[in-house]
N, C-alpha and C. Protein backbone atom coordinates (compact mmCIF):
# COMPACT_ATOMS: atom_id res chain seq x y z
N UNK A 1 -1.25 -11.68 26.77
CA UNK A 1 0.12 -11.32 26.52
C UNK A 1 0.15 -10.30 25.38
N UNK A 2 1.01 -9.33 25.50
CA UNK A 2 1.16 -8.29 24.49
C UNK A 2 2.24 -8.70 23.48
N UNK A 3 2.17 -8.12 22.29
CA UNK A 3 3.16 -8.40 21.27
C UNK A 3 4.55 -8.01 21.75
N UNK A 4 4.67 -6.94 22.52
CA UNK A 4 5.99 -6.53 23.00
C UNK A 4 6.61 -7.58 23.91
N UNK A 5 5.79 -8.30 24.67
CA UNK A 5 6.30 -9.38 25.52
C UNK A 5 6.76 -10.56 24.67
N UNK A 6 5.97 -10.89 23.66
CA UNK A 6 6.35 -11.96 22.74
C UNK A 6 7.64 -11.59 22.01
N UNK A 7 7.74 -10.35 21.57
CA UNK A 7 8.95 -9.87 20.88
C UNK A 7 10.16 -9.96 21.80
N UNK A 8 9.99 -9.56 23.03
CA UNK A 8 11.08 -9.63 24.01
C UNK A 8 11.55 -11.07 24.20
N UNK A 9 10.61 -12.00 24.31
CA UNK A 9 10.97 -13.42 24.43
C UNK A 9 11.65 -13.93 23.17
N UNK A 10 11.17 -13.49 22.02
CA UNK A 10 11.78 -13.91 20.75
C UNK A 10 13.23 -13.46 20.67
N UNK A 11 13.50 -12.25 21.14
CA UNK A 11 14.88 -11.75 21.16
C UNK A 11 15.70 -12.54 22.17
N UNK A 12 15.14 -12.76 23.34
CA UNK A 12 15.84 -13.47 24.41
C UNK A 12 16.26 -14.87 23.97
N UNK A 13 15.37 -15.57 23.27
CA UNK A 13 15.63 -16.95 22.86
C UNK A 13 16.07 -17.07 21.40
N UNK A 14 16.33 -15.94 20.76
CA UNK A 14 16.85 -15.88 19.40
C UNK A 14 15.95 -16.59 18.38
N UNK A 15 14.66 -16.28 18.42
CA UNK A 15 13.71 -16.79 17.43
C UNK A 15 13.68 -15.81 16.26
N UNK A 16 14.66 -15.95 15.38
CA UNK A 16 14.90 -14.99 14.31
C UNK A 16 13.66 -14.76 13.43
N UNK A 17 13.01 -15.82 13.02
CA UNK A 17 11.84 -15.68 12.13
C UNK A 17 10.70 -14.93 12.81
N UNK A 18 10.48 -15.19 14.08
CA UNK A 18 9.43 -14.50 14.82
C UNK A 18 9.76 -13.02 14.98
N UNK A 19 11.02 -12.73 15.26
CA UNK A 19 11.46 -11.34 15.36
C UNK A 19 11.19 -10.62 14.04
N UNK A 20 11.60 -11.23 12.94
CA UNK A 20 11.38 -10.63 11.63
C UNK A 20 9.90 -10.43 11.33
N UNK A 21 9.09 -11.43 11.66
CA UNK A 21 7.66 -11.32 11.38
C UNK A 21 7.04 -10.16 12.15
N UNK A 22 7.35 -10.06 13.42
CA UNK A 22 6.79 -8.98 14.24
C UNK A 22 7.25 -7.63 13.72
N UNK A 23 8.54 -7.49 13.44
CA UNK A 23 9.06 -6.22 12.92
C UNK A 23 8.42 -5.88 11.58
N UNK A 24 8.29 -6.87 10.71
CA UNK A 24 7.68 -6.67 9.39
C UNK A 24 6.24 -6.16 9.53
N UNK A 25 5.47 -6.80 10.39
CA UNK A 25 4.06 -6.42 10.54
C UNK A 25 3.90 -5.05 11.21
N UNK A 26 4.83 -4.70 12.09
CA UNK A 26 4.75 -3.41 12.78
C UNK A 26 5.27 -2.27 11.90
N UNK A 27 6.46 -2.44 11.35
CA UNK A 27 7.14 -1.33 10.68
C UNK A 27 6.87 -1.23 9.19
N UNK A 28 6.68 -2.36 8.52
CA UNK A 28 6.48 -2.33 7.07
C UNK A 28 4.99 -2.31 6.71
N UNK A 29 4.26 -3.29 7.20
CA UNK A 29 2.84 -3.39 6.87
C UNK A 29 1.97 -2.49 7.73
N UNK A 30 2.45 -2.19 8.94
CA UNK A 30 1.71 -1.36 9.89
C UNK A 30 0.31 -1.93 10.18
N UNK A 31 0.24 -3.25 10.31
CA UNK A 31 -1.04 -3.91 10.57
C UNK A 31 -1.25 -4.24 12.03
N UNK A 32 -0.18 -4.25 12.81
CA UNK A 32 -0.28 -4.48 14.25
C UNK A 32 0.56 -3.44 14.97
N UNK A 33 0.29 -3.32 16.27
CA UNK A 33 1.02 -2.38 17.12
C UNK A 33 1.72 -3.18 18.20
N UNK A 34 2.84 -2.71 18.65
CA UNK A 34 3.63 -3.40 19.68
C UNK A 34 2.83 -3.62 20.97
N UNK A 35 1.83 -2.78 21.22
CA UNK A 35 1.01 -2.90 22.43
C UNK A 35 -0.25 -3.74 22.23
N UNK A 36 -0.46 -4.26 21.03
CA UNK A 36 -1.62 -5.12 20.77
C UNK A 36 -1.46 -6.47 21.47
N UNK A 37 -2.58 -7.13 21.67
CA UNK A 37 -2.56 -8.49 22.20
C UNK A 37 -2.02 -9.42 21.12
N UNK A 38 -1.35 -10.50 21.53
CA UNK A 38 -0.78 -11.43 20.56
C UNK A 38 -1.84 -12.06 19.65
N UNK A 39 -3.08 -12.02 20.06
CA UNK A 39 -4.15 -12.56 19.20
C UNK A 39 -4.23 -11.81 17.87
N UNK A 40 -3.69 -10.60 17.81
CA UNK A 40 -3.66 -9.84 16.56
C UNK A 40 -2.78 -10.53 15.52
N UNK A 41 -1.91 -11.44 15.96
CA UNK A 41 -1.03 -12.17 15.05
C UNK A 41 -1.65 -13.46 14.53
N UNK A 42 -2.78 -13.87 15.10
CA UNK A 42 -3.40 -15.15 14.74
C UNK A 42 -3.61 -15.31 13.24
N UNK A 43 -4.06 -14.26 12.58
CA UNK A 43 -4.30 -14.31 11.15
C UNK A 43 -3.05 -14.74 10.38
N UNK A 44 -1.91 -14.27 10.81
CA UNK A 44 -0.66 -14.52 10.09
C UNK A 44 -0.09 -15.91 10.35
N UNK A 45 -0.60 -16.60 11.36
CA UNK A 45 -0.17 -17.96 11.68
C UNK A 45 -1.10 -19.02 11.09
N UNK A 46 -2.16 -18.60 10.42
CA UNK A 46 -3.09 -19.57 9.83
C UNK A 46 -2.38 -20.33 8.70
N UNK A 47 -2.69 -21.63 8.57
CA UNK A 47 -2.02 -22.45 7.55
C UNK A 47 -2.08 -21.89 6.13
N UNK A 48 -3.20 -21.27 5.77
CA UNK A 48 -3.32 -20.74 4.42
C UNK A 48 -2.42 -19.51 4.19
N UNK A 49 -1.85 -18.96 5.24
CA UNK A 49 -0.96 -17.80 5.10
C UNK A 49 0.52 -18.15 5.24
N UNK A 50 0.85 -19.40 5.55
CA UNK A 50 2.24 -19.78 5.80
C UNK A 50 3.16 -19.47 4.62
N UNK A 51 2.79 -19.90 3.43
CA UNK A 51 3.66 -19.71 2.26
C UNK A 51 3.87 -18.22 1.98
N UNK A 52 2.80 -17.47 2.00
CA UNK A 52 2.91 -16.02 1.72
C UNK A 52 3.75 -15.31 2.78
N UNK A 53 3.52 -15.61 4.05
CA UNK A 53 4.29 -14.97 5.12
C UNK A 53 5.75 -15.37 5.05
N UNK A 54 6.04 -16.64 4.76
CA UNK A 54 7.43 -17.06 4.63
C UNK A 54 8.13 -16.28 3.52
N UNK A 55 7.44 -16.13 2.40
CA UNK A 55 8.01 -15.37 1.28
C UNK A 55 8.26 -13.91 1.68
N UNK A 56 7.27 -13.28 2.29
CA UNK A 56 7.40 -11.88 2.68
C UNK A 56 8.50 -11.68 3.73
N UNK A 57 8.60 -12.59 4.68
CA UNK A 57 9.61 -12.47 5.73
C UNK A 57 11.01 -12.68 5.15
N UNK A 58 11.15 -13.62 4.22
CA UNK A 58 12.46 -13.82 3.58
C UNK A 58 12.87 -12.58 2.79
N UNK A 59 11.94 -11.99 2.06
CA UNK A 59 12.23 -10.75 1.33
C UNK A 59 12.62 -9.63 2.28
N UNK A 60 11.89 -9.50 3.37
CA UNK A 60 12.16 -8.47 4.37
C UNK A 60 13.54 -8.67 4.98
N UNK A 61 13.90 -9.91 5.28
CA UNK A 61 15.21 -10.24 5.84
C UNK A 61 16.31 -9.82 4.87
N UNK A 62 16.15 -10.16 3.60
CA UNK A 62 17.14 -9.76 2.59
C UNK A 62 17.23 -8.24 2.49
N UNK A 63 16.08 -7.59 2.51
CA UNK A 63 16.04 -6.13 2.38
C UNK A 63 16.79 -5.46 3.52
N UNK A 64 16.55 -5.88 4.75
CA UNK A 64 17.21 -5.21 5.87
C UNK A 64 18.68 -5.58 5.96
N UNK A 65 19.03 -6.78 5.54
CA UNK A 65 20.44 -7.18 5.56
C UNK A 65 21.23 -6.53 4.43
N UNK A 66 20.58 -6.28 3.29
CA UNK A 66 21.25 -5.60 2.19
C UNK A 66 21.48 -4.13 2.49
N UNK A 67 20.66 -3.56 3.36
CA UNK A 67 20.78 -2.14 3.67
C UNK A 67 21.86 -1.85 4.71
N UNK A 68 22.40 -2.89 5.32
CA UNK A 68 23.45 -2.72 6.32
C UNK A 68 24.79 -2.73 5.62
N UNK A 69 25.54 -1.65 5.77
CA UNK A 69 26.87 -1.58 5.17
C UNK A 69 27.89 -2.10 6.15
N UNK A 70 28.81 -2.90 5.63
CA UNK A 70 29.86 -3.45 6.46
C UNK A 70 31.15 -2.72 6.12
N UNK A 71 31.80 -2.19 7.14
CA UNK A 71 33.07 -1.48 6.96
C UNK A 71 34.16 -2.26 7.66
N UNK A 72 35.24 -2.49 6.95
CA UNK A 72 36.39 -3.17 7.56
C UNK A 72 37.47 -2.12 7.80
N UNK A 73 37.93 -2.08 9.02
CA UNK A 73 38.98 -1.13 9.37
C UNK A 73 40.25 -1.91 9.62
N UNK A 74 41.35 -1.50 8.99
CA UNK A 74 42.60 -2.26 9.11
C UNK A 74 43.59 -1.60 9.89
């Protein structure tokens, strides 16, 4: 299975954390490619990386949500 298929399923089933992790690794860290096999993500799912990845994903989530401007039209 390719990362793009996993990403598509994550969007379909609203797996927010998985979506963020894939986007973070592709666009910010540039450590994986959307066409890579999902095994490229194995390193990031290892127990010794859970705390660090959770921290990085939470920071990334805040960063992308802070960059979105909300406009109210009356």
